[in-house]
N, C-alpha and C. Protein backbone atom coordinates (compact mmCIF):
# COMPACT_ATOMS: atom_id res chain seq x y z
N MET A 1 10.87 -9.60 4.61
CA MET A 1 9.97 -10.49 3.91
C MET A 1 8.74 -9.70 3.48
N THR A 2 8.23 -10.04 2.36
CA THR A 2 7.06 -9.37 1.85
C THR A 2 5.89 -9.60 2.79
N LYS A 3 5.22 -8.54 3.17
CA LYS A 3 4.08 -8.65 4.08
C LYS A 3 2.80 -9.01 3.33
N LEU A 4 2.72 -8.60 2.08
CA LEU A 4 1.47 -8.75 1.36
C LEU A 4 1.74 -8.74 -0.14
N ILE A 5 1.09 -9.63 -0.84
CA ILE A 5 1.13 -9.57 -2.29
C ILE A 5 -0.14 -8.89 -2.73
N LEU A 6 -0.03 -7.85 -3.52
CA LEU A 6 -1.21 -7.25 -4.10
C LEU A 6 -1.42 -7.92 -5.45
N ALA A 7 -2.29 -8.88 -5.44
CA ALA A 7 -2.55 -9.63 -6.66
C ALA A 7 -3.61 -8.88 -7.44
N ALA A 8 -3.20 -8.17 -8.43
CA ALA A 8 -4.15 -7.43 -9.25
C ALA A 8 -4.81 -8.42 -10.19
N LEU A 9 -5.85 -9.01 -9.71
CA LEU A 9 -6.56 -10.03 -10.46
C LEU A 9 -7.65 -9.34 -11.26
N LEU A 10 -7.36 -9.07 -12.48
CA LEU A 10 -8.30 -8.30 -13.29
C LEU A 10 -9.46 -9.16 -13.74
N LEU A 11 -10.62 -8.57 -13.67
CA LEU A 11 -11.85 -9.27 -13.98
C LEU A 11 -12.08 -9.31 -15.48
N ALA A 12 -12.35 -10.48 -15.98
CA ALA A 12 -12.75 -10.61 -17.38
C ALA A 12 -14.17 -10.10 -17.50
N ALA A 13 -14.57 -9.78 -18.70
CA ALA A 13 -15.92 -9.26 -18.90
C ALA A 13 -16.94 -10.25 -18.36
N GLN A 14 -17.65 -9.82 -17.35
CA GLN A 14 -18.63 -10.69 -16.71
C GLN A 14 -19.77 -9.81 -16.24
N PRO A 15 -20.95 -9.99 -16.77
CA PRO A 15 -22.05 -9.14 -16.36
C PRO A 15 -22.43 -9.39 -14.91
N THR A 16 -22.69 -8.32 -14.20
CA THR A 16 -23.10 -8.43 -12.80
C THR A 16 -23.90 -7.20 -12.42
N LEU A 17 -24.77 -7.33 -11.45
CA LEU A 17 -25.56 -6.20 -11.00
C LEU A 17 -24.77 -5.31 -10.05
N ALA A 18 -23.97 -5.91 -9.21
CA ALA A 18 -23.15 -5.15 -8.27
C ALA A 18 -21.84 -4.76 -8.93
N ALA A 19 -21.17 -3.78 -8.34
CA ALA A 19 -19.86 -3.40 -8.86
C ALA A 19 -18.92 -4.59 -8.69
N PRO A 20 -18.22 -4.96 -9.74
CA PRO A 20 -17.35 -6.14 -9.66
C PRO A 20 -16.11 -5.89 -8.80
N VAL A 21 -15.65 -6.93 -8.16
CA VAL A 21 -14.38 -6.89 -7.44
C VAL A 21 -13.30 -7.12 -8.48
N THR A 22 -12.32 -6.23 -8.55
CA THR A 22 -11.29 -6.37 -9.58
C THR A 22 -9.91 -6.61 -9.00
N GLU A 23 -9.80 -6.65 -7.69
CA GLU A 23 -8.50 -6.83 -7.07
C GLU A 23 -8.71 -7.54 -5.75
N ALA A 24 -7.75 -8.37 -5.39
CA ALA A 24 -7.80 -9.06 -4.11
C ALA A 24 -6.44 -8.98 -3.45
N ARG A 25 -6.42 -8.83 -2.17
CA ARG A 25 -5.17 -8.80 -1.40
C ARG A 25 -4.96 -10.18 -0.80
N VAL A 26 -3.77 -10.68 -0.98
CA VAL A 26 -3.44 -12.03 -0.49
C VAL A 26 -2.33 -11.90 0.55
N PRO A 27 -2.66 -12.12 1.83
CA PRO A 27 -1.63 -11.99 2.87
C PRO A 27 -0.63 -13.15 2.81
N VAL A 28 0.63 -12.83 3.03
CA VAL A 28 1.68 -13.86 3.00
C VAL A 28 2.61 -13.80 4.21
N ALA A 29 2.43 -12.81 5.08
CA ALA A 29 3.36 -12.63 6.19
C ALA A 29 3.41 -13.84 7.10
N ASP A 30 2.33 -14.58 7.19
CA ASP A 30 2.28 -15.74 8.08
C ASP A 30 2.77 -17.02 7.42
N LEU A 31 3.22 -16.95 6.19
CA LEU A 31 3.63 -18.14 5.46
C LEU A 31 5.15 -18.27 5.41
N ASP A 32 5.64 -19.49 5.49
CA ASP A 32 7.05 -19.77 5.28
C ASP A 32 7.22 -20.15 3.81
N LEU A 33 7.57 -19.16 3.00
CA LEU A 33 7.66 -19.39 1.55
C LEU A 33 8.94 -20.10 1.14
N THR A 34 9.75 -20.51 2.12
CA THR A 34 10.91 -21.34 1.81
C THR A 34 10.53 -22.82 1.88
N SER A 35 9.30 -23.11 2.29
CA SER A 35 8.86 -24.50 2.40
C SER A 35 7.80 -24.81 1.35
N ARG A 36 7.71 -26.07 0.98
CA ARG A 36 6.69 -26.50 0.01
C ARG A 36 5.29 -26.24 0.53
N SER A 37 5.09 -26.51 1.82
CA SER A 37 3.75 -26.32 2.37
C SER A 37 3.36 -24.84 2.37
N GLY A 38 4.31 -23.95 2.60
CA GLY A 38 4.03 -22.52 2.55
C GLY A 38 3.66 -22.06 1.15
N VAL A 39 4.38 -22.57 0.16
CA VAL A 39 4.10 -22.22 -1.23
C VAL A 39 2.74 -22.79 -1.65
N ARG A 40 2.45 -24.02 -1.22
CA ARG A 40 1.13 -24.61 -1.54
C ARG A 40 0.00 -23.78 -0.95
N GLU A 41 0.18 -23.31 0.28
CA GLU A 41 -0.85 -22.48 0.92
C GLU A 41 -0.99 -21.16 0.18
N LEU A 42 0.12 -20.57 -0.25
CA LEU A 42 0.06 -19.34 -1.04
C LEU A 42 -0.74 -19.58 -2.31
N ASP A 43 -0.48 -20.69 -3.00
CA ASP A 43 -1.21 -21.00 -4.23
C ASP A 43 -2.71 -21.18 -3.96
N ARG A 44 -3.04 -21.82 -2.82
CA ARG A 44 -4.47 -21.97 -2.46
C ARG A 44 -5.11 -20.60 -2.22
N ARG A 45 -4.39 -19.73 -1.54
CA ARG A 45 -4.92 -18.38 -1.29
C ARG A 45 -5.11 -17.61 -2.58
N LEU A 46 -4.16 -17.75 -3.50
CA LEU A 46 -4.31 -17.07 -4.79
C LEU A 46 -5.51 -17.61 -5.56
N GLU A 47 -5.72 -18.91 -5.50
CA GLU A 47 -6.89 -19.49 -6.18
C GLU A 47 -8.19 -18.99 -5.56
N ARG A 48 -8.24 -18.89 -4.23
CA ARG A 48 -9.45 -18.37 -3.57
C ARG A 48 -9.67 -16.90 -3.95
N ALA A 49 -8.59 -16.13 -4.02
CA ALA A 49 -8.71 -14.73 -4.42
C ALA A 49 -9.21 -14.62 -5.85
N ALA A 50 -8.70 -15.47 -6.72
CA ALA A 50 -9.16 -15.46 -8.12
C ALA A 50 -10.64 -15.83 -8.19
N ALA A 51 -11.07 -16.77 -7.39
CA ALA A 51 -12.48 -17.16 -7.37
C ALA A 51 -13.35 -16.00 -6.87
N THR A 52 -12.84 -15.25 -5.90
CA THR A 52 -13.58 -14.09 -5.40
C THR A 52 -13.74 -13.05 -6.50
N VAL A 53 -12.68 -12.83 -7.26
CA VAL A 53 -12.70 -11.84 -8.33
C VAL A 53 -13.52 -12.32 -9.52
N CYS A 54 -13.39 -13.58 -9.86
CA CYS A 54 -13.97 -14.09 -11.11
C CYS A 54 -15.36 -14.69 -10.96
N GLY A 55 -15.71 -15.12 -9.78
CA GLY A 55 -17.04 -15.71 -9.59
C GLY A 55 -16.98 -17.22 -9.51
N SER A 56 -18.14 -17.80 -9.45
CA SER A 56 -18.28 -19.23 -9.24
C SER A 56 -18.27 -20.02 -10.54
N ARG A 57 -17.68 -21.21 -10.48
CA ARG A 57 -17.67 -22.11 -11.63
C ARG A 57 -18.87 -23.04 -11.62
N THR A 58 -19.85 -22.77 -10.79
CA THR A 58 -20.97 -23.69 -10.64
C THR A 58 -22.17 -23.34 -11.52
N SER A 59 -22.03 -22.37 -12.37
CA SER A 59 -23.14 -21.97 -13.24
C SER A 59 -23.59 -23.14 -14.11
N VAL A 60 -24.88 -23.19 -14.37
CA VAL A 60 -25.40 -24.21 -15.27
C VAL A 60 -25.18 -23.82 -16.73
N TRP A 61 -24.85 -22.56 -16.97
CA TRP A 61 -24.63 -22.09 -18.33
C TRP A 61 -23.17 -22.31 -18.72
N LEU A 62 -22.96 -23.09 -19.74
CA LEU A 62 -21.61 -23.47 -20.17
C LEU A 62 -20.75 -22.25 -20.51
N ALA A 63 -21.33 -21.29 -21.22
CA ALA A 63 -20.56 -20.10 -21.62
C ALA A 63 -20.13 -19.30 -20.40
N GLU A 64 -21.01 -19.19 -19.40
CA GLU A 64 -20.66 -18.44 -18.19
C GLU A 64 -19.57 -19.18 -17.42
N ARG A 65 -19.68 -20.49 -17.32
CA ARG A 65 -18.66 -21.28 -16.63
C ARG A 65 -17.32 -21.14 -17.34
N ALA A 66 -17.33 -21.17 -18.67
CA ALA A 66 -16.10 -21.03 -19.45
C ALA A 66 -15.47 -19.66 -19.23
N ALA A 67 -16.31 -18.62 -19.11
CA ALA A 67 -15.80 -17.27 -18.87
C ALA A 67 -15.14 -17.18 -17.49
N VAL A 68 -15.72 -17.85 -16.50
CA VAL A 68 -15.14 -17.84 -15.15
C VAL A 68 -13.80 -18.56 -15.15
N VAL A 69 -13.74 -19.70 -15.82
CA VAL A 69 -12.49 -20.47 -15.88
C VAL A 69 -11.40 -19.63 -16.59
N ALA A 70 -11.77 -18.97 -17.67
CA ALA A 70 -10.80 -18.13 -18.39
C ALA A 70 -10.35 -16.96 -17.52
N CYS A 71 -11.28 -16.36 -16.80
CA CYS A 71 -10.94 -15.26 -15.90
C CYS A 71 -9.96 -15.73 -14.82
N MET A 72 -10.23 -16.88 -14.23
CA MET A 72 -9.35 -17.40 -13.18
C MET A 72 -7.96 -17.70 -13.72
N ARG A 73 -7.91 -18.28 -14.91
CA ARG A 73 -6.61 -18.57 -15.53
C ARG A 73 -5.83 -17.27 -15.75
N ASP A 74 -6.52 -16.23 -16.24
CA ASP A 74 -5.88 -14.94 -16.50
C ASP A 74 -5.45 -14.28 -15.18
N ALA A 75 -6.31 -14.34 -14.18
CA ALA A 75 -6.00 -13.73 -12.89
C ALA A 75 -4.78 -14.38 -12.25
N LEU A 76 -4.72 -15.70 -12.30
CA LEU A 76 -3.57 -16.40 -11.71
C LEU A 76 -2.29 -16.11 -12.49
N ALA A 77 -2.41 -15.97 -13.81
CA ALA A 77 -1.24 -15.62 -14.62
C ALA A 77 -0.74 -14.22 -14.27
N ARG A 78 -1.66 -13.29 -14.02
CA ARG A 78 -1.28 -11.92 -13.66
C ARG A 78 -0.65 -11.87 -12.25
N ALA A 79 -1.09 -12.75 -11.38
CA ALA A 79 -0.55 -12.78 -10.02
C ALA A 79 0.79 -13.50 -9.93
N ARG A 80 1.11 -14.29 -10.94
CA ARG A 80 2.31 -15.14 -10.88
C ARG A 80 3.61 -14.36 -10.67
N PRO A 81 3.85 -13.23 -11.34
CA PRO A 81 5.11 -12.51 -11.09
C PRO A 81 5.26 -12.08 -9.63
N ALA A 82 4.18 -11.60 -8.99
CA ALA A 82 4.25 -11.20 -7.59
C ALA A 82 4.46 -12.43 -6.70
N ARG A 83 3.81 -13.53 -7.04
CA ARG A 83 3.99 -14.79 -6.30
C ARG A 83 5.44 -15.23 -6.35
N ASP A 84 5.98 -15.27 -7.56
CA ASP A 84 7.36 -15.72 -7.75
C ASP A 84 8.35 -14.79 -7.06
N ALA A 85 8.07 -13.49 -7.10
CA ALA A 85 8.97 -12.52 -6.44
C ALA A 85 8.95 -12.71 -4.93
N ALA A 86 7.78 -12.97 -4.36
CA ALA A 86 7.69 -13.19 -2.91
C ALA A 86 8.45 -14.44 -2.50
N ILE A 87 8.34 -15.49 -3.29
CA ILE A 87 9.06 -16.74 -3.00
C ILE A 87 10.56 -16.50 -3.12
N ALA A 88 10.98 -15.81 -4.19
CA ALA A 88 12.40 -15.53 -4.39
C ALA A 88 12.95 -14.68 -3.25
N GLN A 89 12.20 -13.69 -2.81
CA GLN A 89 12.65 -12.83 -1.71
C GLN A 89 12.79 -13.64 -0.43
N ALA A 90 11.84 -14.52 -0.16
CA ALA A 90 11.91 -15.35 1.05
C ALA A 90 13.11 -16.29 0.97
N THR A 91 13.36 -16.85 -0.21
CA THR A 91 14.47 -17.77 -0.39
C THR A 91 15.80 -17.04 -0.24
N ARG A 92 15.91 -15.84 -0.81
CA ARG A 92 17.14 -15.05 -0.67
C ARG A 92 17.40 -14.73 0.79
N GLY A 93 16.36 -14.35 1.52
CA GLY A 93 16.52 -14.05 2.95
C GLY A 93 16.95 -15.27 3.72
N PHE A 94 16.42 -16.43 3.37
CA PHE A 94 16.77 -17.68 4.02
C PHE A 94 18.22 -18.03 3.72
N ASP A 95 18.62 -17.89 2.45
CA ASP A 95 20.00 -18.18 2.05
C ASP A 95 20.99 -17.25 2.74
N GLN A 96 20.66 -15.98 2.89
CA GLN A 96 21.55 -15.02 3.54
C GLN A 96 21.72 -15.35 5.02
N MET A 97 20.64 -15.78 5.67
CA MET A 97 20.73 -16.15 7.08
C MET A 97 21.55 -17.42 7.24
N ALA A 98 21.44 -18.34 6.30
CA ALA A 98 22.14 -19.64 6.39
C ALA A 98 23.66 -19.46 6.21
N THR A 99 24.09 -18.44 5.47
CA THR A 99 25.52 -18.24 5.22
C THR A 99 26.19 -17.44 6.32
N ARG A 100 25.45 -16.93 7.27
CA ARG A 100 26.07 -16.14 8.35
C ARG A 100 26.60 -17.02 9.43
């Protein structure tokens, strides 16, 4: 089973004083990705990782908030192939154990 998804959540152009975080690691080893609740928790973790990379949606400036939302949408889209692969791998492992 996959121990970790490296979700390369790329940062959209966002001005900041500190060096931006451009990648987040999302642990999955403790999740049962063959269950709905495990997949839901994975999705929550990916959303939190995207928020860490992209910043807060609480800005009073509409343009900044829109940039954060766009960044999060892009980050989650980039993480989706790794997410889907981890779920597929868990499901294949579950199916192989069930047929033995």
